[in-house]
Amino acid sequence: MAKHAASYTHQVPALFHSRSRLKIGLVGGSFNPAHEGHIHVALKARRALGLDQIWWLVTPQNPLKSSAGMASLATRLAYARDIASGYPFLRVLAPESALPKNYTYNTLIYIKKTMPLARLVWIMGADNLDQFSRWYRHKGLIRLLPIAVIDRPSYSLRAIASGRWLLGRRYQVGEMRRAITTRHLKLPGWCFIAGKRHAASATEIRQQAQRANA
């Protein structure tokens, strides 16, 4: 385990009063497990928005998901770092493990305070919009950061429709890219990144593993 920790030291950014001005995309989730679909989202968002880094924020426990079948945080972090190791722009960390409550709203407040100069954008799959209205303080969350929604199979039209009333003003991808760079983006604001989609699902991966072990 010590060997793993040493190998990934460079992938864990310092969050304490960082003066970084990097353009960083934040992707939250259980990563139970991390998979090629997560890589696809990272690559797509980075290219479309001209981001310097993508951070995977691995939550100890999603408040909207059951803990049944949830691998330990240490296991999920280690696997996510293995998957991400071939991509220098990817960082994997778990800031919520040091926070009193693992809500995305609280996490983003924390990151914004510790990285006041960074240009941050929240990245989420289109499927997440189905339950976004149930997120803790979701109306406040959309005023913290711009949001980029990545297309997912069978969710395109539903996501665009939901975004209109959930996420505020919709920007074109090029507009969002320029606004992130200049920090001249009025919130709330979001963009929809279409194109090639990836069907990988952590739920399906776990189910396949269960069938294989049955």
Protein backbone atom coordinates (compact mmCIF):
# COMPACT_ATOMS: atom_id res chain seq x y z
CA MET A 1 0.00 0.00 0.00
CA ALA A 2 2.91 2.35 0.78
CA LYS A 3 4.23 1.75 -2.73
CA HIS A 4 0.88 2.79 -4.21
CA ALA A 5 0.81 5.94 -2.08
CA ALA A 6 4.30 6.94 -3.20
CA SER A 7 3.47 6.28 -6.84
CA TYR A 8 0.52 8.66 -6.79
CA THR A 9 1.88 11.51 -4.69
CA HIS A 10 2.10 13.71 -7.79
CA GLN A 11 -1.58 13.14 -8.50
CA VAL A 12 -2.85 14.65 -5.25
CA PRO A 13 -2.96 18.47 -5.49
CA ALA A 14 -2.36 20.70 -2.50
CA LEU A 15 -5.68 22.32 -1.59
CA PHE A 16 -4.56 24.62 1.19
CA HIS A 17 -4.59 28.25 0.00
CA SER A 18 -3.36 27.35 -3.46
CA ARG A 19 -2.51 30.28 -5.76
CA SER A 20 -3.02 28.20 -8.86
CA ARG A 21 -4.65 29.90 -11.84
CA LEU A 22 -5.21 26.64 -13.69
CA LYS A 23 -8.45 25.84 -15.49
CA ILE A 24 -9.74 22.78 -13.65
CA GLY A 25 -12.72 20.56 -14.31
CA LEU A 26 -14.21 18.87 -11.24
CA VAL A 27 -15.97 15.51 -11.56
CA GLY A 28 -17.63 14.12 -8.45
CA GLY A 29 -18.86 10.60 -7.85
CA SER A 30 -18.57 7.28 -6.07
CA PHE A 31 -16.26 5.79 -8.74
CA ASN A 32 -17.45 2.35 -7.69
CA PRO A 33 -15.46 1.45 -9.73
CA ALA A 34 -13.78 4.03 -11.97
CA HIS A 35 -13.98 2.95 -15.62
CA GLU A 36 -13.29 3.97 -19.22
CA GLY A 37 -16.50 6.01 -19.28
CA HIS A 38 -14.98 8.32 -16.66
CA ILE A 39 -11.87 8.66 -18.82
CA HIS A 40 -14.09 9.48 -21.80
CA VAL A 41 -15.84 12.26 -19.85
CA ALA A 42 -12.50 13.69 -18.71
CA LEU A 43 -11.02 13.72 -22.22
CA LYS A 44 -14.16 15.18 -23.76
CA ALA A 45 -14.50 17.98 -21.23
CA ARG A 46 -10.81 18.84 -21.34
CA ARG A 47 -10.74 19.14 -25.13
CA ALA A 48 -14.02 21.03 -25.43
CA LEU A 49 -13.29 23.58 -22.70
CA GLY A 50 -9.50 23.86 -22.97
CA LEU A 51 -8.94 22.74 -19.36
CA ASP A 52 -5.51 22.22 -17.82
CA GLN A 53 -6.56 19.48 -15.42
CA ILE A 54 -9.50 17.27 -14.51
CA TRP A 55 -10.00 16.27 -10.88
CA TRP A 56 -11.95 13.20 -9.89
CA LEU A 57 -13.47 13.88 -6.48
CA VAL A 58 -14.18 10.46 -4.98
CA THR A 59 -16.88 10.69 -2.32
CA PRO A 60 -16.78 8.50 0.82
CA GLN A 61 -20.54 7.94 0.36
CA ASN A 62 -23.05 9.51 -2.00
CA PRO A 63 -26.00 10.68 0.17
CA LEU A 64 -28.43 9.62 -2.57
CA LYS A 65 -27.04 6.09 -2.94
CA SER A 66 -27.17 3.01 -0.75
CA SER A 67 -23.98 1.93 0.97
CA ALA A 68 -24.76 -1.68 0.05
CA GLY A 69 -22.20 -2.92 -2.44
CA MET A 70 -20.05 0.20 -1.99
CA ALA A 71 -16.35 -0.64 -1.91
CA SER A 72 -14.22 1.11 0.71
CA LEU A 73 -12.96 4.60 -0.07
CA ALA A 74 -9.36 3.35 -0.04
CA THR A 75 -10.18 0.64 -2.59
CA ARG A 76 -12.03 3.03 -4.89
CA LEU A 77 -9.27 5.64 -4.67
CA ALA A 78 -6.56 3.10 -5.46
CA TYR A 79 -8.44 1.74 -8.47
CA ALA A 80 -9.30 5.21 -9.77
CA ARG A 81 -5.63 6.21 -9.55
CA ASP A 82 -4.62 3.09 -11.45
CA ILE A 83 -7.11 3.93 -14.21
CA ALA A 84 -5.99 7.57 -14.30
CA SER A 85 -2.25 6.90 -14.14
CA GLY A 86 -1.78 7.08 -17.91
CA TYR A 87 -3.23 10.59 -18.13
CA PRO A 88 -0.96 13.30 -16.66
CA PHE A 89 -3.77 15.87 -16.55
CA LEU A 90 -5.96 13.68 -14.29
CA ARG A 91 -5.89 14.05 -10.51
CA VAL A 92 -7.71 11.77 -8.06
CA LEU A 93 -8.51 12.90 -4.54
CA ALA A 94 -11.12 12.69 -1.79
CA PRO A 95 -11.48 16.10 -0.10
CA GLU A 96 -14.79 15.09 1.48
CA SER A 97 -13.00 12.62 3.73
CA ALA A 98 -11.74 15.62 5.71
CA LEU A 99 -15.02 17.57 5.65
CA PRO A 100 -17.88 17.23 8.18
CA LYS A 101 -20.51 16.46 5.50
CA ASN A 102 -20.05 14.91 2.07
CA TYR A 103 -22.34 17.15 0.06
CA THR A 104 -21.16 18.51 -3.28
CA TYR A 105 -22.25 22.03 -2.30
CA ASN A 106 -20.01 22.00 0.79
CA THR A 107 -17.12 20.48 -1.17
CA LEU A 108 -17.25 23.19 -3.82
CA ILE A 109 -17.38 25.94 -1.19
CA TYR A 110 -14.24 24.43 0.35
CA ILE A 111 -12.36 24.15 -2.94
CA LYS A 112 -13.29 27.69 -4.00
CA LYS A 113 -12.02 29.07 -0.68
CA THR A 114 -8.74 27.17 -0.87
CA MET A 115 -8.19 27.87 -4.59
CA PRO A 116 -9.55 31.40 -5.09
CA LEU A 117 -7.62 32.08 -8.32
CA ALA A 118 -8.34 28.80 -10.10
CA ARG A 119 -10.83 28.73 -12.95
CA LEU A 120 -13.16 25.93 -11.89
CA VAL A 121 -15.99 24.20 -13.73
CA TRP A 122 -18.26 21.41 -12.50
CA ILE A 123 -18.56 18.49 -14.93
CA MET A 124 -21.41 15.99 -14.81
CA GLY A 125 -22.94 13.32 -17.00
CA ALA A 126 -26.32 14.02 -18.57
CA ASP A 127 -27.80 11.11 -16.59
CA ASN A 128 -27.12 12.97 -13.33
CA LEU A 129 -29.69 15.61 -14.22
CA ASP A 130 -32.44 13.07 -13.49
CA GLN A 131 -31.86 13.51 -9.76
CA PHE A 132 -30.11 16.89 -9.65
CA SER A 133 -33.14 18.54 -8.02
CA ARG A 134 -32.60 16.19 -5.05
CA TRP A 135 -29.00 17.32 -4.49
CA TYR A 136 -28.34 19.23 -1.28
CA ARG A 137 -28.73 22.98 -1.96
CA HIS A 138 -28.75 22.44 -5.71
CA LYS A 139 -30.07 25.96 -6.33
CA GLY A 140 -27.07 27.37 -4.48
CA LEU A 141 -24.66 24.99 -6.18
CA ILE A 142 -25.39 26.34 -9.66
CA ARG A 143 -24.32 29.79 -8.45
CA LEU A 144 -20.92 28.56 -7.32
CA LEU A 145 -19.45 27.29 -10.59
CA PRO A 146 -20.27 27.02 -14.28
CA ILE A 147 -21.50 23.54 -15.19
CA ALA A 148 -20.64 21.40 -18.20
CA VAL A 149 -23.03 18.54 -18.94
CA ILE A 150 -21.57 15.66 -20.95
CA ASP A 151 -23.85 13.74 -23.30
CA ARG A 152 -24.77 10.19 -22.27
CA PRO A 153 -26.56 7.49 -24.30
CA SER A 154 -30.36 7.97 -24.27
CA TYR A 155 -30.20 11.14 -22.14
CA SER A 156 -29.51 13.88 -24.71
CA LEU A 157 -32.97 15.42 -25.17
CA ARG A 158 -33.99 14.88 -21.56
CA ALA A 159 -30.81 16.58 -20.31
CA ILE A 160 -31.24 19.62 -22.53
CA ALA A 161 -34.87 19.99 -21.42
CA SER A 162 -33.98 19.57 -17.73
CA GLY A 163 -31.05 21.99 -17.97
CA ARG A 164 -33.33 24.79 -19.10
CA TRP A 165 -35.10 24.96 -15.74
CA LEU A 166 -32.47 23.44 -13.44
CA LEU A 167 -29.19 25.07 -14.46
CA GLY A 168 -29.90 28.59 -15.68
CA ARG A 169 -28.62 30.19 -18.88
CA ARG A 170 -27.26 27.79 -21.47
CA TYR A 171 -23.96 28.79 -23.10
CA GLN A 172 -22.59 27.41 -26.32
CA VAL A 173 -19.45 25.36 -25.70
CA GLY A 174 -17.19 27.97 -27.32
CA GLU A 175 -18.73 30.71 -25.17
CA MET A 176 -18.20 28.63 -22.04
CA ARG A 177 -14.59 27.96 -22.98
CA ARG A 178 -13.86 31.68 -23.40
CA ALA A 179 -15.78 32.61 -20.26
CA ILE A 180 -13.84 30.10 -18.12
CA THR A 181 -10.56 31.53 -19.40
CA THR A 182 -11.51 35.15 -18.79
CA ARG A 183 -13.64 34.53 -15.69
CA HIS A 184 -16.35 36.69 -17.27
CA LEU A 185 -19.14 34.18 -16.96
CA LYS A 186 -22.44 35.14 -15.36
CA LEU A 187 -23.81 32.46 -13.05
CA PRO A 188 -25.81 30.36 -13.12
CA GLY A 189 -24.67 29.10 -16.50
CA TRP A 190 -24.10 25.77 -18.20
CA CYS A 191 -23.21 24.15 -21.50
CA PHE A 192 -24.03 20.83 -23.11
CA ILE A 193 -21.11 18.94 -24.65
CA ALA A 194 -22.43 16.62 -27.35
CA GLY A 195 -20.62 14.20 -29.63
CA LYS A 196 -19.45 10.62 -29.29
CA ARG A 197 -20.97 8.96 -26.23
CA HIS A 198 -19.67 6.21 -23.95
CA ALA A 199 -22.07 3.62 -22.55
CA ALA A 200 -19.91 2.27 -19.69
CA SER A 201 -21.71 2.09 -16.34
CA ALA A 202 -20.28 1.33 -12.90
CA THR A 203 -23.56 -0.43 -12.02
CA GLU A 204 -23.27 -2.72 -15.05
CA ILE A 205 -19.59 -3.42 -14.30
CA ARG A 206 -20.49 -4.50 -10.75
CA GLN A 207 -23.34 -6.66 -12.00
CA GLN A 208 -21.05 -8.37 -14.52
CA ALA A 209 -18.53 -9.06 -11.77
CA GLN A 210 -21.26 -10.56 -9.58
CA ARG A 211 -22.45 -12.82 -12.39
CA ALA A 212 -18.89 -13.93 -13.11
CA ASN A 213 -18.36 -14.82 -9.44
CA ALA A 214 -21.71 -16.55 -8.99
